[in-house]
Amino acid sequence: MELTYSQACENNKTAILAVLQRVFLQSKQVLEIGSGTGQHALYFSANLPQLTWQPSDLLINHPSIIYRQENEGSANLLPPLLLDLNEPWQASASLTKKVDGIFTANTLHIVSWALVEKFFVGVAENLSAGGILCIYGPFNYHGQYTSQSNADFDLWLKDRDSNSAIRDFEKITELASSVGLSLIEDNTMPANNRLLVFKLQ
């Protein structure tokens, strides 16, 4: 089997972990949405031994996640769940209980805005009160790109899929607020990315 690999995951994992170690300090189980290659799941679970890390993604991405989990993963890294943002998470991923942490990286600018809205519905339904949501990726502020590289990236995104786009920070926080999530941190990350941290009231 040919493992999928993301250089971006290797580049950003240390900076992301520094935030997760702090905001997930009291968390017991984190659900990752869109685990992709499984590199983040592998690294974060190994460095956050106090919690259980639950990867999830579409079936097409499961082989690499499973390989890394079975061959390199620590005991707190679980096999991936099938989770399709088009479907209710309980039905899609067979979730049986709420989690106290949710993490996603580089997903909201890939999926359509309709799926971004469904993502937040899923978060509100599956995150326990007081739980933490972390979203990593690029965002626009006041309708403006934060760098030329992000502007170029947005053009590339829209060229490959007209439903993809770098999302506006204000629209994301408004959507989050509508389902009971409050922004508690907006962390600057390398390469013009951000790590937004929300808490469910």
Protein backbone atom coordinates (compact mmCIF):
# COMPACT_ATOMS: atom_id res chain seq x y z
CA MET A 1 0.00 0.00 0.00
CA GLU A 2 1.24 3.49 -0.87
CA LEU A 3 0.89 5.74 2.18
CA THR A 4 -0.50 9.21 1.61
CA TYR A 5 1.71 11.96 3.00
CA SER A 6 1.34 15.68 3.68
CA GLN A 7 4.39 17.88 4.05
CA ALA A 8 2.14 20.57 5.50
CA CYS A 9 1.29 18.24 8.40
CA GLU A 10 4.96 17.82 9.18
CA ASN A 11 5.54 21.56 8.92
CA ASN A 12 2.72 22.67 11.21
CA LYS A 13 2.38 19.87 13.77
CA THR A 14 4.78 21.28 16.36
CA ALA A 15 3.16 24.73 16.40
CA ILE A 16 -0.33 23.21 16.62
CA LEU A 17 0.69 20.84 19.41
CA ALA A 18 1.93 23.73 21.55
CA VAL A 19 -1.65 25.08 21.61
CA LEU A 20 -3.38 21.69 21.94
CA GLN A 21 -1.26 20.74 24.95
CA ARG A 22 -2.72 23.76 26.72
CA VAL A 23 -6.34 23.86 25.57
CA PHE A 24 -6.90 20.08 25.66
CA LEU A 25 -5.21 19.70 29.05
CA GLN A 26 -8.46 18.65 30.74
CA SER A 27 -9.91 16.76 27.75
CA LYS A 28 -10.49 13.01 27.83
CA GLN A 29 -11.47 12.24 24.22
CA VAL A 30 -10.82 14.28 21.09
CA LEU A 31 -12.61 13.64 17.82
CA GLU A 32 -10.62 14.71 14.78
CA ILE A 33 -12.68 15.67 11.73
CA GLY A 34 -10.96 15.08 8.39
CA SER A 35 -7.90 13.15 9.56
CA GLY A 36 -6.53 12.87 6.02
CA THR A 37 -3.19 11.08 6.02
CA GLY A 38 -3.32 10.31 9.75
CA GLN A 39 -0.05 12.15 10.44
CA HIS A 40 -1.63 14.64 12.81
CA ALA A 41 -3.52 11.90 14.65
CA LEU A 42 -0.32 9.91 15.07
CA TYR A 43 1.71 12.86 16.37
CA PHE A 44 -0.89 14.49 18.60
CA SER A 45 -2.01 11.26 20.25
CA ALA A 46 1.60 10.37 21.08
CA ASN A 47 2.15 13.78 22.65
CA LEU A 48 -1.20 14.02 24.45
CA PRO A 49 -1.14 10.73 26.37
CA GLN A 50 -3.84 11.81 28.83
CA LEU A 51 -6.56 11.68 26.18
CA THR A 52 -7.97 9.30 23.58
CA TRP A 53 -7.63 10.50 19.97
CA GLN A 54 -10.42 9.45 17.60
CA PRO A 55 -9.63 10.03 13.90
CA SER A 56 -12.42 10.24 11.32
CA ASP A 57 -12.69 10.77 7.58
CA LEU A 58 -14.24 9.43 4.40
CA LEU A 59 -13.38 5.82 3.58
CA ILE A 60 -10.98 6.84 0.80
CA ASN A 61 -8.56 8.16 3.44
CA HIS A 62 -8.85 5.27 5.90
CA PRO A 63 -6.05 3.00 4.59
CA SER A 64 -3.21 5.39 5.49
CA ILE A 65 -4.81 6.32 8.81
CA ILE A 66 -5.28 2.65 9.73
CA TYR A 67 -1.73 1.74 8.70
CA ARG A 68 -0.23 4.48 10.84
CA GLN A 69 -2.52 3.65 13.75
CA GLU A 70 -1.74 -0.07 13.66
CA ASN A 71 2.00 0.16 12.94
CA GLU A 72 3.13 3.36 14.62
CA GLY A 73 0.29 4.50 16.86
CA SER A 74 0.26 4.71 20.63
CA ALA A 75 -2.40 2.94 22.67
CA ASN A 76 -4.58 6.07 22.90
CA LEU A 77 -4.96 6.36 19.09
CA LEU A 78 -8.16 4.66 17.91
CA PRO A 79 -9.00 3.27 14.45
CA PRO A 80 -10.71 5.85 12.21
CA LEU A 81 -14.46 6.30 12.02
CA LEU A 82 -16.30 6.88 8.78
CA LEU A 83 -17.65 10.42 9.03
CA ASP A 84 -19.34 12.24 6.16
CA LEU A 85 -20.24 15.87 6.84
CA ASN A 86 -23.25 15.44 4.59
CA GLU A 87 -24.79 13.10 7.17
CA PRO A 88 -25.60 13.43 10.88
CA TRP A 89 -22.47 12.37 12.73
CA GLN A 90 -24.28 9.85 14.91
CA ALA A 91 -25.54 8.04 11.82
CA SER A 92 -22.39 8.42 9.74
CA ALA A 93 -19.78 7.66 12.41
CA SER A 94 -21.96 5.65 14.81
CA LEU A 95 -21.03 8.00 17.63
CA THR A 96 -22.61 6.81 20.85
CA LYS A 97 -21.55 9.54 23.27
CA LYS A 98 -20.40 13.13 23.23
CA VAL A 99 -16.72 14.07 23.29
CA ASP A 100 -15.09 16.92 25.20
CA GLY A 101 -12.75 17.94 22.39
CA ILE A 102 -12.98 18.31 18.60
CA PHE A 103 -10.10 19.17 16.27
CA THR A 104 -9.96 19.83 12.55
CA ALA A 105 -7.17 21.08 10.32
CA ASN A 106 -7.34 22.47 6.78
CA THR A 107 -10.92 21.38 6.18
CA LEU A 108 -13.21 24.41 6.22
CA HIS A 109 -11.63 25.97 3.13
CA ILE A 110 -11.82 22.67 1.24
CA VAL A 111 -15.47 21.75 1.81
CA SER A 112 -18.42 23.81 0.59
CA TRP A 113 -20.00 26.51 2.75
CA ALA A 114 -23.07 24.27 3.13
CA LEU A 115 -20.82 21.63 4.68
CA VAL A 116 -19.16 24.25 6.91
CA GLU A 117 -22.64 24.99 8.27
CA LYS A 118 -23.29 21.27 8.78
CA PHE A 119 -19.90 20.94 10.48
CA PHE A 120 -20.94 23.40 13.18
CA VAL A 121 -24.28 21.65 13.65
CA GLY A 122 -22.37 18.40 14.15
CA VAL A 123 -20.02 20.05 16.64
CA ALA A 124 -22.92 21.41 18.68
CA GLU A 125 -24.63 18.02 18.72
CA ASN A 126 -21.55 15.97 19.64
CA LEU A 127 -19.46 18.22 21.89
CA SER A 128 -20.24 18.13 25.60
CA ALA A 129 -20.96 21.31 27.55
CA GLY A 130 -17.70 23.08 28.28
CA GLY A 131 -15.98 21.14 25.50
CA ILE A 132 -13.28 22.63 23.29
CA LEU A 133 -13.27 22.98 19.48
CA CYS A 134 -9.97 23.75 17.67
CA ILE A 135 -9.93 24.80 14.01
CA TYR A 136 -6.63 25.18 12.15
CA GLY A 137 -6.27 26.82 8.76
CA PRO A 138 -6.15 30.12 6.84
CA PHE A 139 -8.79 32.80 7.38
CA ASN A 140 -9.59 36.22 5.96
CA TYR A 141 -10.17 39.15 8.30
CA HIS A 142 -12.55 42.00 7.47
CA GLY A 143 -12.91 40.52 4.00
CA GLN A 144 -9.18 40.82 3.31
CA TYR A 145 -6.44 38.27 2.76
CA THR A 146 -3.74 38.27 5.41
CA SER A 147 -0.97 37.68 2.86
CA GLN A 148 -0.31 37.44 -0.87
CA SER A 149 0.34 33.72 -0.46
CA ASN A 150 -3.17 33.27 0.97
CA ALA A 151 -4.63 35.27 -1.93
CA ASP A 152 -2.80 33.00 -4.38
CA PHE A 153 -3.91 29.92 -2.45
CA ASP A 154 -7.54 31.06 -2.58
CA LEU A 155 -7.36 31.43 -6.36
CA TRP A 156 -5.92 27.92 -6.59
CA LEU A 157 -8.68 26.56 -4.35
CA LYS A 158 -11.46 28.13 -6.40
CA ASP A 159 -9.88 27.00 -9.66
CA ARG A 160 -9.92 23.35 -8.54
CA ASP A 161 -13.36 23.56 -6.90
CA SER A 162 -15.67 26.58 -7.02
CA ASN A 163 -17.14 25.57 -3.65
CA SER A 164 -13.78 25.90 -1.90
CA ALA A 165 -12.49 29.18 -0.49
CA ILE A 166 -10.62 30.67 2.42
CA ARG A 167 -13.36 31.52 4.91
CA ASP A 168 -13.98 34.84 6.61
CA PHE A 169 -13.10 34.84 10.29
CA GLU A 170 -16.16 36.93 11.11
CA LYS A 171 -18.55 34.54 9.36
CA ILE A 172 -16.99 31.55 11.10
CA THR A 173 -17.28 33.13 14.55
CA GLU A 174 -20.87 34.21 13.81
CA LEU A 175 -21.75 30.68 12.73
CA ALA A 176 -20.05 29.26 15.80
CA SER A 177 -21.94 31.65 18.06
CA SER A 178 -25.24 30.58 16.53
CA VAL A 179 -24.74 27.04 17.88
CA GLY A 180 -23.50 28.09 21.31
CA LEU A 181 -19.75 28.25 20.75
CA SER A 182 -17.70 31.16 22.09
CA LEU A 183 -14.31 32.11 20.68
CA ILE A 184 -11.75 32.01 23.47
CA GLU A 185 -8.49 32.18 21.47
CA ASP A 186 -7.27 33.22 18.02
CA ASN A 187 -3.69 31.95 17.73
CA THR A 188 -1.21 33.07 15.08
CA MET A 189 0.37 30.10 13.32
CA PRO A 190 3.24 29.79 10.82
CA ALA A 191 2.64 30.25 7.09
CA ASN A 192 -0.23 32.71 7.57
CA ASN A 193 -2.52 30.22 9.29
CA ARG A 194 -4.54 30.52 12.49
CA LEU A 195 -5.70 28.19 15.23
CA LEU A 196 -9.13 29.20 16.51
CA VAL A 197 -10.25 27.83 19.86
CA PHE A 198 -13.93 27.77 20.83
CA LYS A 199 -15.74 26.61 23.95
CA LEU A 200 -19.28 25.23 23.99
CA GLN A 201 -21.37 26.98 26.61
